[in-house]
Amino acid sequence: MCYQARYYIHLCLIDSQWINTKAASESKLSSSNVDMDVSRKSHRFTPSIRETIQGFGAETTAHGIPRVIDRPRYRSKLFWAVLVLALFGVFIFQAVRLLRDYYTFNTKIELVNSEEVEFPAITVCNLNRIRLSRLPNNKRWESINNQTAYESNQNRLERYGITTSSVFTTSSVSDYLPDEKSHDRIQRDVDDGGDDDYDWFRDSIAEEEYRWPHSMPYPGYRMVGLPTTHLGSLASPYLGILPPSPTKEELREMGHRREDFILECRFNKQRCEADDFRVIQNKQYGNCFTFNGVTSTQSSPRRVTKAGSGFGLHLTLYIEHDEYIGAMTEDTGVKIVAHPRDILPHPEDLGLSFSPGFTSNIGLRQVEIKRLPYPHGNCTYGKDRRHLSDDVYEYNIISCQKRCLQDGLADRCGCVTDIYNDYDSFPQCNRTNRICRQTVEKSFYQNQMDCKCPAKCREFIYNTQATSSVWPSEKHLDYWRKRIERPRGFIQHPAFTAIQNIGEARKNLVKVKVYFEELNYELVEQVPAHTFESAVGTIGGLIGLYIGFSLITVSEILVLFYDVARLMIVKAFYKETVDGSES
């Protein structure tokens, strides 16, 4: 009894009664012979692999393949086979390109309309770190505080054949370079450590090597640690008298205070106080002050609903020009950084500098950037990345890179070169750590350290546009002074004597206005070139266009593979059974 189980496979069952009538009268040997005979009869009804493939070609929903299988002529079969393979190759090529583009992204820029915008944090720093009047009279600051620094410096220069008088009487650098004998003496002292003062100066500027121009008396001459850009200031009383890096405690005692630095503060035409600013210590600028920061007395972020210079943050700053230390500060003025509230400011790397005697208008434009993580991009949300002050501030690239450098110094040298709170337990690097420190810094600057600091997936930046005008005018000074002197106790303020004449006022006062130019902000967003749904749809369209496949066709091919494998196993098992029975 036979039946067609599938369109290309015939399974036949032999009537069991035909077997049983023989089995009743035969011995065990005869019974085994009958079973082998039945197996042979059943095998004759099992289709071959060729018949299976022909049956698939007759019934499949795929285009092209049936013509390769059922064409009677060889040339026709060859034509359709070549055509199907060529179109299949085109499909594979375009599918690979599509899958490669799936991991890319496009950038979309959109202007978002807004009636209210969160105001950024504003960090202001005096360019001078330490007040001259607060310098302690101890050995650590002796190089700055000693009144005989200029005379001792002259004697040291003359010992190496460099005279200060020649600096002002010659126009050529080669005229006051040390001769070859003096150069050898300098180099010998540096190499042998005989001249601690000069060696300390060299170490203070990271022991960089500066070569003189080729027009100098002898090529290849170099003076370690003395940049050519400083040749014009060889007569400075502070040459080689660089101060040590102040500690956080020293900055707290000797740095500028917010109640002295911030004379006036208004936000959205409302008065704000010095207590609205949080102190953030910076190695380069000392005590900086952040308005609208994450841990200020204002718990919720300040917002603005109107654009223009009449709104936003208005500050009048007193820089205490007489407290500047020439050996520590080259410029006069303030540094201002606009940054998100949850990001640690880095005024040494970002921000704008403004001179005293001017009103500076800083117009802000907010930009929101959204990046894509893996697999389309490589941004991070910062949860798995180490960065500075990660218990208070969010991740950003600069904090991650600075953390990487300080971690390298702490791990390899046991010291650090900055004053971040994360490294309170580590000492500052000094001369004993010089070689190790320079090795780590060189690796960092040459990108040889495995820092892994990708961009943040979502961040805000503030594009700035600054304009300035002279302030205060002579006629306005009297009016402004009367207004500022009204608060009780201002006569004891350090700025009281500095604003009595226009010259001192313009040397000490900086006026700043920080505001949004418009409330609309720019959204820069990365979007996938293809979503998963669109990629699947496109591949489905390509496979249907070129080779006429669908998911049903794919299922038919899988069933074909299964049946062919099954037939091969059955044939192999049958061959082993027959061979074993005959033996």
Protein backbone atom coordinates (compact mmCIF):
# COMPACT_ATOMS: atom_id res chain seq x y z
CA MET A 1 0.00 0.00 0.00
CA CYS A 2 1.63 3.26 -1.21
CA TYR A 3 0.76 6.93 -0.91
CA GLN A 4 2.34 10.26 -1.89
CA ALA A 5 3.48 11.85 1.40
CA ARG A 6 5.07 14.96 -0.20
CA TYR A 7 5.13 16.32 -3.73
CA TYR A 8 8.48 14.78 -4.48
CA ILE A 9 8.90 11.91 -1.97
CA HIS A 10 6.92 8.61 -2.20
CA LEU A 11 6.79 6.41 0.80
CA CYS A 12 5.42 2.90 0.39
CA LEU A 13 4.20 0.57 3.08
CA ILE A 14 4.16 -3.17 2.51
CA ASP A 15 1.14 -5.07 3.70
CA SER A 16 2.13 -6.75 6.91
CA GLN A 17 -0.15 -9.71 6.17
CA TRP A 18 2.07 -10.67 3.22
CA ILE A 19 4.97 -10.96 5.61
CA ASN A 20 3.12 -12.78 8.37
CA THR A 21 1.93 -15.62 6.12
CA LYS A 22 5.52 -16.45 5.35
CA ALA A 23 6.78 -16.01 8.89
CA ALA A 24 4.42 -18.63 10.35
CA SER A 25 5.90 -21.55 8.36
CA GLU A 26 9.54 -20.51 8.01
CA SER A 27 12.38 -20.95 10.46
CA LYS A 28 14.36 -18.10 11.99
CA LEU A 29 16.78 -18.14 9.05
CA SER A 30 13.96 -17.95 6.56
CA SER A 31 12.40 -15.08 8.51
CA SER A 32 15.60 -13.02 8.28
CA ASN A 33 15.76 -13.62 4.54
CA VAL A 34 12.21 -12.37 4.17
CA ASP A 35 13.03 -9.19 6.16
CA MET A 36 15.97 -8.43 3.92
CA ASP A 37 13.83 -9.00 0.86
CA VAL A 38 11.24 -6.56 2.23
CA SER A 39 13.92 -3.94 2.80
CA ARG A 40 15.04 -4.26 -0.78
CA LYS A 41 11.49 -3.88 -2.05
CA SER A 42 10.92 -0.82 0.15
CA HIS A 43 14.20 0.75 -1.02
CA ARG A 44 13.12 0.50 -4.63
CA PHE A 45 10.28 2.93 -3.83
CA THR A 46 12.58 5.53 -2.07
CA PRO A 47 13.28 8.49 -4.42
CA SER A 48 16.85 9.44 -5.33
CA ILE A 49 18.44 12.79 -4.60
CA ARG A 50 18.09 13.72 -8.26
CA GLU A 51 14.37 12.97 -8.20
CA THR A 52 14.04 15.05 -5.03
CA ILE A 53 15.73 18.06 -6.64
CA GLN A 54 13.58 17.67 -9.77
CA GLY A 55 10.48 17.61 -7.62
CA PHE A 56 11.65 20.81 -5.87
CA GLY A 57 12.18 22.52 -9.23
CA ALA A 58 8.68 21.62 -10.34
CA GLU A 59 6.98 22.97 -7.24
CA THR A 60 9.13 25.84 -5.89
CA THR A 61 7.95 29.45 -5.86
CA ALA A 62 11.41 30.75 -6.80
CA HIS A 63 11.86 32.26 -10.27
CA GLY A 64 14.59 31.03 -12.58
CA ILE A 65 15.52 27.87 -10.68
CA PRO A 66 12.70 25.73 -12.23
CA ARG A 67 13.97 26.68 -15.69
CA VAL A 68 17.47 25.51 -14.79
CA ILE A 69 16.10 22.15 -13.64
CA ASP A 70 13.33 21.27 -16.11
CA ARG A 71 14.75 22.61 -19.42
CA PRO A 72 15.30 19.67 -21.82
CA ARG A 73 18.26 21.19 -23.64
CA TYR A 74 21.70 21.64 -22.14
CA ARG A 75 22.19 25.10 -23.67
CA SER A 76 18.95 26.35 -22.20
CA LYS A 77 19.91 24.99 -18.77
CA LEU A 78 23.30 26.72 -19.03
CA PHE A 79 21.75 30.05 -20.03
CA TRP A 80 19.33 30.11 -17.12
CA ALA A 81 21.99 28.90 -14.69
CA VAL A 82 24.39 31.70 -15.70
CA LEU A 83 21.59 34.28 -15.53
CA VAL A 84 20.44 33.15 -12.07
CA LEU A 85 24.01 33.11 -10.72
CA ALA A 86 24.77 36.56 -12.17
CA LEU A 87 21.64 38.09 -10.65
CA PHE A 88 22.39 36.36 -7.37
CA GLY A 89 25.88 37.95 -7.44
CA VAL A 90 24.37 41.38 -8.01
CA PHE A 91 22.05 40.82 -5.08
CA ILE A 92 24.94 39.79 -2.80
CA PHE A 93 26.94 42.88 -3.82
CA GLN A 94 24.12 45.30 -3.06
CA ALA A 95 23.16 43.47 0.13
CA VAL A 96 26.74 43.73 1.44
CA ARG A 97 26.79 47.46 0.70
CA LEU A 98 23.48 47.87 2.47
CA LEU A 99 24.69 45.99 5.55
CA ARG A 100 27.85 48.11 5.62
CA ASP A 101 25.80 51.31 5.43
CA TYR A 102 23.61 50.02 8.24
CA TYR A 103 26.41 50.83 10.71
CA THR A 104 26.80 54.42 9.48
CA PHE A 105 24.76 57.49 10.32
CA ASN A 106 23.62 60.76 8.85
CA THR A 107 23.69 64.13 10.61
CA LYS A 108 20.47 66.07 10.93
CA ILE A 109 20.47 69.75 11.92
CA GLU A 110 17.26 71.25 13.22
CA LEU A 111 16.32 74.62 14.69
CA VAL A 112 14.21 74.06 17.80
CA ASN A 113 11.82 76.81 18.85
CA SER A 114 11.72 77.43 22.58
CA GLU A 115 10.08 79.97 24.86
CA GLU A 116 12.34 79.18 27.83
CA VAL A 117 15.96 78.05 28.01
CA GLU A 118 18.04 76.81 30.92
CA PHE A 119 20.84 79.26 31.63
CA PRO A 120 24.32 77.70 31.64
CA ALA A 121 26.77 77.77 34.50
CA ILE A 122 29.17 80.73 34.26
CA THR A 123 32.65 80.35 35.75
CA VAL A 124 34.79 83.48 36.22
CA CYS A 125 38.48 83.48 37.15
CA ASN A 126 41.02 86.16 37.91
CA LEU A 127 44.11 85.64 35.75
CA ASN A 128 46.23 86.13 38.87
CA ARG A 129 46.38 83.19 41.27
CA ILE A 130 48.00 84.56 44.40
CA ARG A 131 47.66 87.99 46.02
CA LEU A 132 51.00 89.68 46.49
CA SER A 133 50.09 90.98 49.94
CA ARG A 134 49.31 87.44 51.15
CA LEU A 135 52.61 85.82 50.20
CA PRO A 136 54.04 84.09 53.25
CA ASN A 137 57.57 84.81 54.39
CA ASN A 138 58.89 81.25 54.22
CA LYS A 139 61.43 79.28 52.25
CA ARG A 140 58.87 77.82 49.87
CA TRP A 141 58.01 81.27 48.49
CA GLU A 142 61.40 82.84 49.04
CA SER A 143 62.17 83.08 45.32
CA ILE A 144 59.18 85.40 44.88
CA ASN A 145 59.11 87.16 48.20
CA ASN A 146 62.82 87.94 48.48
CA GLN A 147 63.56 91.57 47.62
CA THR A 148 67.09 90.70 46.45
CA ALA A 149 65.91 88.34 43.68
CA TYR A 150 66.90 90.79 40.94
CA GLU A 151 70.47 91.30 42.21
CA SER A 152 71.10 87.57 42.71
CA ASN A 153 69.71 86.90 39.28
CA GLN A 154 72.09 89.44 37.71
CA ASN A 155 75.06 87.81 39.42
CA ARG A 156 73.99 84.40 38.18
CA LEU A 157 73.64 85.63 34.58
CA GLU A 158 77.03 87.32 34.66
CA ARG A 159 78.60 84.10 35.95
CA TYR A 160 77.50 82.43 32.71
CA GLY A 161 78.73 85.28 30.49
CA ILE A 162 75.27 86.88 30.00
CA THR A 163 75.08 90.56 30.93
CA THR A 164 71.82 92.40 31.28
CA SER A 165 73.22 95.54 29.70
CA SER A 166 73.81 93.74 26.43
CA VAL A 167 70.12 92.91 26.19
CA PHE A 168 69.20 96.54 25.69
CA THR A 169 72.20 97.56 23.58
CA THR A 170 72.06 94.84 20.94
CA SER A 171 69.47 94.05 18.33
CA SER A 172 70.83 90.65 17.38
CA VAL A 173 70.26 87.61 19.52
CA SER A 174 73.69 86.26 18.63
CA ASP A 175 75.36 89.31 20.22
CA TYR A 176 74.42 88.30 23.75
CA LEU A 177 74.53 84.51 23.47
CA PRO A 178 77.11 82.95 25.79
CA ASP A 179 80.34 81.95 24.12
CA GLU A 180 81.27 78.31 23.63
CA LYS A 181 83.20 78.17 26.91
CA SER A 182 80.25 79.56 28.85
CA HIS A 183 77.93 77.09 27.11
CA ASP A 184 80.11 74.18 28.18
CA ARG A 185 80.03 75.44 31.74
CA ILE A 186 76.25 75.71 31.71
CA GLN A 187 75.87 72.24 30.25
CA ARG A 188 78.32 70.76 32.76
CA ASP A 189 76.52 72.38 35.67
CA VAL A 190 73.17 71.12 34.44
CA ASP A 191 74.37 67.58 33.81
CA ASP A 192 76.26 67.32 37.09
CA GLY A 193 73.55 68.97 39.16
CA GLY A 194 76.07 71.58 40.35
CA ASP A 195 73.80 74.56 39.77
CA ASP A 196 70.59 73.81 41.61
CA ASP A 197 69.05 77.14 40.75
CA TYR A 198 69.41 76.71 37.01
CA ASP A 199 68.46 73.05 37.13
CA TRP A 200 65.30 73.93 39.06
CA PHE A 201 64.41 76.53 36.41
CA ARG A 202 64.91 73.97 33.68
CA ASP A 203 62.65 71.49 35.44
CA SER A 204 59.97 74.12 35.97
CA ILE A 205 59.25 74.28 32.26
CA ALA A 206 59.30 70.54 31.67
CA GLU A 207 62.93 70.42 30.49
CA GLU A 208 62.05 71.15 26.87
CA GLU A 209 64.95 71.60 24.46
CA TYR A 210 64.99 74.80 22.49
CA ARG A 211 67.51 75.15 19.67
CA TRP A 212 68.84 78.47 18.46
CA PRO A 213 68.34 79.39 14.81
CA HIS A 214 70.95 78.16 12.29
CA SER A 215 72.30 81.71 11.95
CA MET A 216 73.74 81.52 15.46
CA PRO A 217 77.53 81.42 16.01
CA TYR A 218 77.71 77.61 15.99
CA PRO A 219 74.99 75.23 14.72
CA GLY A 220 73.39 72.81 17.11
CA TYR A 221 73.83 75.08 20.13
CA ARG A 222 71.10 74.60 22.69
CA MET A 223 70.39 75.87 26.15
CA VAL A 224 68.16 73.41 27.98
CA GLY A 225 65.15 75.05 29.54
CA LEU A 226 65.60 78.58 28.10
CA PRO A 227 63.09 79.26 25.29
CA THR A 228 64.10 81.68 22.55
CA THR A 229 60.85 83.52 23.08
CA HIS A 230 62.14 84.65 26.48
CA LEU A 231 65.39 86.14 25.19
CA GLY A 232 63.88 89.59 25.16
CA SER A 233 63.25 89.40 28.89
CA LEU A 234 66.66 88.27 30.10
CA ALA A 235 66.91 91.41 32.27
CA SER A 236 63.66 90.57 34.06
CA PRO A 237 64.08 90.42 37.83
CA TYR A 238 62.09 87.15 37.77
CA LEU A 239 64.20 85.24 35.22
CA GLY A 240 64.48 81.68 36.51
CA ILE A 241 62.58 82.55 39.69
CA LEU A 242 59.46 80.53 38.94
CA PRO A 243 57.17 79.94 41.92
CA PRO A 244 56.10 76.55 43.21
CA SER A 245 52.63 75.29 42.39
CA PRO A 246 50.31 76.45 45.21
CA THR A 247 48.36 73.88 47.16
CA LYS A 248 44.62 74.06 47.75
CA GLU A 249 45.19 75.33 51.27
CA GLU A 250 47.51 78.07 49.99
CA LEU A 251 44.97 79.09 47.35
CA ARG A 252 42.29 79.24 50.01
CA GLU A 253 44.42 81.57 52.12
CA MET A 254 46.31 83.58 49.49
CA GLY A 255 43.98 83.51 46.47
CA HIS A 256 41.38 86.11 45.52
CA ARG A 257 38.13 86.06 47.47
CA ARG A 258 34.70 86.13 45.85
CA GLU A 259 33.44 88.92 48.11
CA ASP A 260 36.31 91.11 46.85
CA PHE A 261 36.29 89.89 43.26
CA ILE A 262 32.55 90.23 42.56
CA LEU A 263 31.48 93.85 43.03
CA GLU A 264 28.08 93.66 41.33
CA CYS A 265 25.85 90.81 40.23
CA ARG A 266 22.46 90.86 38.51
CA PHE A 267 20.56 88.08 36.85
CA ASN A 268 17.48 88.89 34.78
CA LYS A 269 17.46 92.36 36.36
CA GLN A 270 17.36 90.85 39.85
CA ARG A 271 20.23 91.26 42.28
CA CYS A 272 22.38 88.24 43.09
CA GLU A 273 24.94 87.86 45.84
CA ALA A 274 28.47 86.50 46.16
CA ASP A 275 27.03 83.48 47.98
CA ASP A 276 25.37 82.47 44.70
CA PHE A 277 28.84 81.60 43.42
CA ARG A 278 30.60 78.35 44.26
CA VAL A 279 34.39 78.35 44.67
CA ILE A 280 36.24 76.00 42.32
CA GLN A 281 39.99 75.83 42.67
CA ASN A 282 42.08 75.70 39.52
CA LYS A 283 45.83 75.10 39.34
CA GLN A 284 46.42 77.84 36.76
CA TYR A 285 43.94 80.52 37.90
CA GLY A 286 43.57 79.83 41.60
CA ASN A 287 40.13 80.47 43.05
CA CYS A 288 37.43 80.54 40.37
CA PHE A 289 33.76 81.18 41.01
CA THR A 290 30.81 79.42 39.34
CA PHE A 291 27.33 80.92 39.05
CA ASN A 292 24.36 78.57 38.61
CA GLY A 293 26.47 75.47 39.29
CA VAL A 294 25.17 72.11 40.43
CA THR A 295 26.01 72.64 44.10
CA SER A 296 25.35 76.36 44.45
CA THR A 297 22.76 77.75 46.86
CA GLN A 298 20.37 77.87 43.91
CA SER A 299 19.17 74.24 43.94
CA SER A 300 17.16 74.40 40.72
CA PRO A 301 18.69 75.66 37.46
CA ARG A 302 18.06 79.28 36.55
CA ARG A 303 16.15 79.85 33.33
CA VAL A 304 15.64 82.75 30.98
CA THR A 305 12.54 83.65 29.05
CA LYS A 306 13.88 86.68 27.20
CA ALA A 307 16.88 87.14 24.94
CA GLY A 308 19.12 90.17 24.56
CA SER A 309 21.85 91.95 26.51
CA GLY A 310 19.33 93.47 28.92
CA PHE A 311 18.79 90.03 30.47
CA GLY A 312 21.02 87.20 31.56
CA LEU A 313 23.96 87.65 33.95
CA HIS A 314 25.60 91.04 34.51
CA LEU A 315 28.82 91.21 36.54
CA THR A 316 31.20 93.92 37.65
CA LEU A 317 34.53 92.38 38.67
CA TYR A 318 37.42 93.88 40.62
CA ILE A 319 40.70 92.18 39.67
CA GLU A 320 42.96 93.84 42.31
CA HIS A 321 45.66 94.85 39.87
CA ASP A 322 48.07 95.85 42.62
CA GLU A 323 48.00 92.27 43.93
CA TYR A 324 49.35 90.77 40.69
CA ILE A 325 52.66 88.89 40.81
CA GLY A 326 54.73 89.37 37.69
CA ALA A 327 56.52 86.03 37.95
CA MET A 328 53.20 84.19 38.00
CA THR A 329 50.90 86.19 35.73
CA GLU A 330 51.63 87.48 32.25
CA ASP A 331 48.18 88.91 31.42
CA THR A 332 45.79 91.15 33.26
CA GLY A 333 42.07 90.48 33.31
CA VAL A 334 39.58 87.68 33.78
CA LYS A 335 38.72 84.34 32.19
CA ILE A 336 35.06 83.41 31.65
CA VAL A 337 33.65 80.00 30.70
CA ALA A 338 30.02 79.17 29.84
CA HIS A 339 29.37 75.46 30.36
CA PRO A 340 26.57 73.05 31.33
CA ARG A 341 25.79 72.97 35.03
CA ASP A 342 26.77 69.33 35.45
CA ILE A 343 30.17 69.64 33.71
CA LEU A 344 33.38 70.50 35.56
CA PRO A 345 34.78 73.74 34.06
CA HIS A 346 38.27 73.85 32.61
CA PRO A 347 39.12 77.55 32.16
CA GLU A 348 42.74 76.71 31.31
CA ASP A 349 41.50 74.99 28.13
CA LEU A 350 38.23 76.75 27.30
CA GLY A 351 36.62 80.14 27.70
CA LEU A 352 37.34 83.77 26.81
CA SER A 353 39.74 86.28 28.33
CA PHE A 354 38.76 89.91 28.91
CA SER A 355 40.86 92.92 29.82
CA PRO A 356 40.02 95.50 32.49
CA GLY A 357 38.66 98.87 31.43
CA PHE A 358 36.06 97.37 29.08
CA THR A 359 32.44 96.28 29.00
CA SER A 360 32.36 92.85 27.36
CA ASN A 361 29.14 91.50 25.90
CA ILE A 362 29.04 87.71 25.50
CA GLY A 363 26.20 86.48 23.32
CA LEU A 364 25.37 82.79 23.70
CA ARG A 365 23.82 80.34 21.26
CA GLN A 366 22.96 76.93 22.64
CA VAL A 367 23.71 73.82 20.60
CA GLU A 368 22.46 70.38 21.62
CA ILE A 369 24.35 67.42 20.16
CA LYS A 370 22.97 63.89 20.10
CA ARG A 371 25.32 61.12 19.00
CA LEU A 372 24.68 57.45 18.34
CA PRO A 373 26.19 54.64 20.43
CA TYR A 374 27.28 51.24 19.14
CA PRO A 375 26.71 49.83 16.50
CA HIS A 376 26.24 53.08 14.56
CA GLY A 377 28.74 55.22 16.51
CA ASN A 378 31.15 55.04 19.44
CA CYS A 379 29.81 57.61 21.91
CA THR A 380 29.29 56.93 25.60
CA TYR A 381 26.84 58.00 28.27
CA GLY A 382 29.73 58.18 30.72
CA LYS A 383 28.48 55.68 33.29
CA ASP A 384 31.33 53.28 32.56
CA ARG A 385 34.08 55.90 32.12
CA ARG A 386 36.36 57.41 34.75
CA HIS A 387 36.56 61.18 34.82
CA LEU A 388 37.26 64.00 37.24
CA SER A 389 34.86 64.49 40.15
CA ASP A 390 32.52 61.81 38.84
CA ASP A 391 30.62 61.90 42.13
CA VAL A 392 29.42 65.46 41.38
CA TYR A 393 29.88 66.16 37.67
CA GLU A 394 28.94 64.31 34.52
CA TYR A 395 31.32 62.86 31.97
CA ASN A 396 33.00 64.90 29.24
CA ILE A 397 36.07 64.36 27.08
CA ILE A 398 38.39 66.88 28.77
CA SER A 399 37.67 65.54 32.28
CA CYS A 400 38.31 62.00 31.06
CA GLN A 401 41.63 62.94 29.43
CA LYS A 402 42.84 64.85 32.47
CA ARG A 403 41.83 61.95 34.69
CA CYS A 404 43.78 59.60 32.43
CA LEU A 405 46.95 61.70 32.77
CA GLN A 406 46.68 62.06 36.55
CA ASP A 407 45.91 58.34 36.95
CA GLY A 408 49.05 57.54 34.98
CA LEU A 409 51.14 59.83 37.19
CA ALA A 410 49.59 58.44 40.37
CA ASP A 411 50.10 54.80 39.32
CA ARG A 412 53.63 55.10 37.95
CA CYS A 413 55.12 57.99 39.92
CA GLY A 414 53.06 58.10 43.11
CA CYS A 415 52.32 61.82 42.64
CA VAL A 416 50.08 64.19 40.66
CA THR A 417 50.51 67.57 39.01
CA ASP A 418 47.07 69.07 39.66
CA ILE A 419 44.85 69.89 42.63
CA TYR A 420 41.64 68.01 41.80
CA ASN A 421 39.67 66.62 44.71
CA ASP A 422 40.06 63.09 43.33
CA TYR A 423 43.76 63.10 44.25
CA ASP A 424 43.81 64.59 47.74
CA SER A 425 45.73 61.55 49.01
CA PHE A 426 48.60 61.98 46.51
CA PRO A 427 51.44 64.50 46.91
CA GLN A 428 52.43 67.00 44.23
CA CYS A 429 55.21 65.89 41.89
CA ASN A 430 58.57 67.51 42.59
CA ARG A 431 62.19 67.20 41.42
CA THR A 432 62.53 63.69 42.77
CA ASN A 433 59.72 62.53 40.45
CA ARG A 434 60.97 64.53 37.48
CA ILE A 435 62.08 61.70 35.17
CA CYS A 436 58.99 59.61 35.84
CA ARG A 437 56.68 62.59 35.41
CA GLN A 438 58.24 63.62 32.11
CA THR A 439 57.99 60.05 30.80
CA VAL A 440 54.29 59.83 31.61
CA GLU A 441 53.53 63.27 30.19
CA LYS A 442 55.40 62.46 26.99
CA SER A 443 53.37 59.28 26.56
CA PHE A 444 50.16 61.23 27.14
CA TYR A 445 50.97 64.05 24.72
CA GLN A 446 51.99 61.56 22.02
CA ASN A 447 48.73 59.58 22.44
CA GLN A 448 50.55 56.48 23.68
CA MET A 449 48.33 56.06 26.74
CA ASP A 450 45.16 54.00 26.45
CA CYS A 451 42.81 56.72 27.66
CA LYS A 452 39.62 55.73 25.75
CA CYS A 453 37.72 59.00 26.03
CA PRO A 454 34.97 58.99 23.37
CA ALA A 455 32.49 61.81 22.91
CA LYS A 456 29.40 61.95 25.07
CA CYS A 457 26.17 60.73 23.49
CA ARG A 458 24.25 63.85 24.54
CA GLU A 459 25.84 67.16 25.41
CA PHE A 460 25.25 70.89 25.28
CA ILE A 461 27.76 73.43 24.05
CA TYR A 462 27.50 77.21 23.95
CA ASN A 463 28.80 79.10 20.98
CA THR A 464 29.92 82.57 22.03
CA GLN A 465 30.27 85.90 20.29
CA ALA A 466 31.97 88.69 22.21
CA THR A 467 32.13 92.44 21.70
CA SER A 468 33.81 95.06 23.89
CA SER A 469 33.76 98.80 24.51
CA VAL A 470 35.77 101.04 26.84
CA TRP A 471 34.30 101.26 30.34
CA PRO A 472 33.83 103.26 32.45
CA SER A 473 33.80 106.60 30.68
CA GLU A 474 35.13 109.56 32.63
CA LYS A 475 31.69 111.12 32.95
CA HIS A 476 30.08 107.87 34.02
CA LEU A 477 32.64 107.06 36.72
CA ASP A 478 31.29 109.55 39.28
CA TYR A 479 27.73 108.33 38.78
CA TRP A 480 28.74 104.70 39.03
CA ARG A 481 30.92 105.31 42.11
CA LYS A 482 28.06 107.01 43.97
CA ARG A 483 25.76 104.13 43.13
CA ILE A 484 28.24 101.44 44.18
CA GLU A 485 29.12 103.24 47.45
CA ARG A 486 25.57 103.21 48.71
CA PRO A 487 25.73 99.77 50.38
CA ARG A 488 26.80 100.01 53.99
CA GLY A 489 30.41 99.10 54.62
CA PHE A 490 31.66 99.56 51.06
CA ILE A 491 34.18 102.09 52.29
CA GLN A 492 36.14 99.17 53.75
CA HIS A 493 36.07 97.29 50.43
CA PRO A 494 39.47 97.01 48.67
CA ALA A 495 37.93 98.53 45.55
CA PHE A 496 37.02 101.75 47.31
CA THR A 497 40.37 103.43 46.69
CA ALA A 498 40.73 101.91 43.22
CA ILE A 499 37.68 103.65 41.76
CA GLN A 500 38.52 107.16 42.86
CA ASN A 501 40.11 108.08 39.52
CA ILE A 502 39.57 106.92 35.95
CA GLY A 503 43.06 105.44 35.55
CA GLU A 504 42.82 103.12 38.52
CA ALA A 505 39.24 102.21 37.64
CA ARG A 506 40.20 101.09 34.15
CA LYS A 507 43.12 99.07 35.51
CA ASN A 508 40.95 97.20 38.01
CA LEU A 509 37.37 96.91 36.76
CA VAL A 510 35.85 94.51 34.25
CA LYS A 511 32.18 94.59 33.31
CA VAL A 512 30.65 91.50 31.73
CA LYS A 513 27.20 90.76 30.29
CA VAL A 514 26.37 87.15 29.47
CA TYR A 515 23.07 86.56 27.68
CA PHE A 516 21.33 84.51 25.02
CA GLU A 517 21.18 86.10 21.60
CA GLU A 518 18.01 84.11 20.92
CA LEU A 519 16.03 81.45 22.76
CA ASN A 520 15.86 79.12 19.78
CA TYR A 521 18.64 76.56 19.83
CA GLU A 522 20.28 74.31 17.30
CA LEU A 523 19.85 70.54 17.53
CA VAL A 524 22.56 68.47 15.81
CA GLU A 525 21.46 64.86 15.81
CA GLN A 526 22.99 61.72 14.37
CA VAL A 527 20.39 59.40 12.86
CA PRO A 528 21.03 55.88 11.52
CA ALA A 529 21.39 55.65 7.75
CA HIS A 530 19.10 52.58 7.97
CA THR A 531 16.92 51.31 10.76
CA PHE A 532 16.52 47.57 11.26
CA GLU A 533 13.07 47.61 9.67
CA SER A 534 14.20 49.60 6.65
CA ALA A 535 17.26 47.37 6.18
CA VAL A 536 15.12 44.22 6.21
CA GLY A 537 12.63 45.78 3.80
CA THR A 538 15.38 46.86 1.41
CA ILE A 539 17.03 43.44 1.42
CA GLY A 540 13.65 41.83 0.82
CA GLY A 541 13.06 44.12 -2.13
CA LEU A 542 16.49 43.34 -3.60
CA ILE A 543 16.13 39.57 -3.25
CA GLY A 544 12.67 39.70 -4.81
CA LEU A 545 13.84 41.94 -7.66
CA TYR A 546 16.91 39.98 -8.70
CA ILE A 547 16.17 36.30 -7.94
CA GLY A 548 12.48 36.25 -7.09
CA PHE A 549 12.88 34.92 -3.55
CA SER A 550 10.49 35.39 -0.66
CA LEU A 551 10.38 34.02 2.86
CA ILE A 552 8.24 31.15 1.54
CA THR A 553 10.98 30.35 -0.98
CA VAL A 554 13.61 30.40 1.74
CA SER A 555 11.48 27.96 3.75
CA GLU A 556 11.21 25.67 0.72
CA ILE A 557 14.99 25.67 0.31
CA LEU A 558 15.49 24.78 3.96
CA VAL A 559 13.04 21.88 3.61
CA LEU A 560 14.92 20.72 0.51
CA PHE A 561 18.21 20.66 2.43
CA TYR A 562 16.54 18.69 5.19
CA ASP A 563 15.10 16.09 2.84
CA VAL A 564 18.36 15.65 0.92
CA ALA A 565 20.27 15.16 4.15
CA ARG A 566 17.64 12.72 5.34
CA LEU A 567 17.84 10.69 2.14
CA MET A 568 21.63 10.53 2.34
CA ILE A 569 21.43 9.23 5.91
CA VAL A 570 18.76 6.63 4.96
CA LYS A 571 20.80 5.38 2.00
CA ALA A 572 23.95 5.13 4.10
CA PHE A 573 22.08 3.21 6.83
CA TYR A 574 20.49 0.87 4.26
CA LYS A 575 23.89 0.12 2.70
CA GLU A 576 25.36 -0.83 6.07
CA THR A 577 22.36 -3.04 6.86
CA VAL A 578 22.52 -4.93 3.56
CA ASP A 579 26.29 -5.40 3.78
CA GLY A 580 25.98 -6.74 7.31
CA SER A 581 23.18 -9.14 6.39
CA GLU A 582 25.02 -10.59 3.38
CA SER A 583 28.11 -11.20 5.41
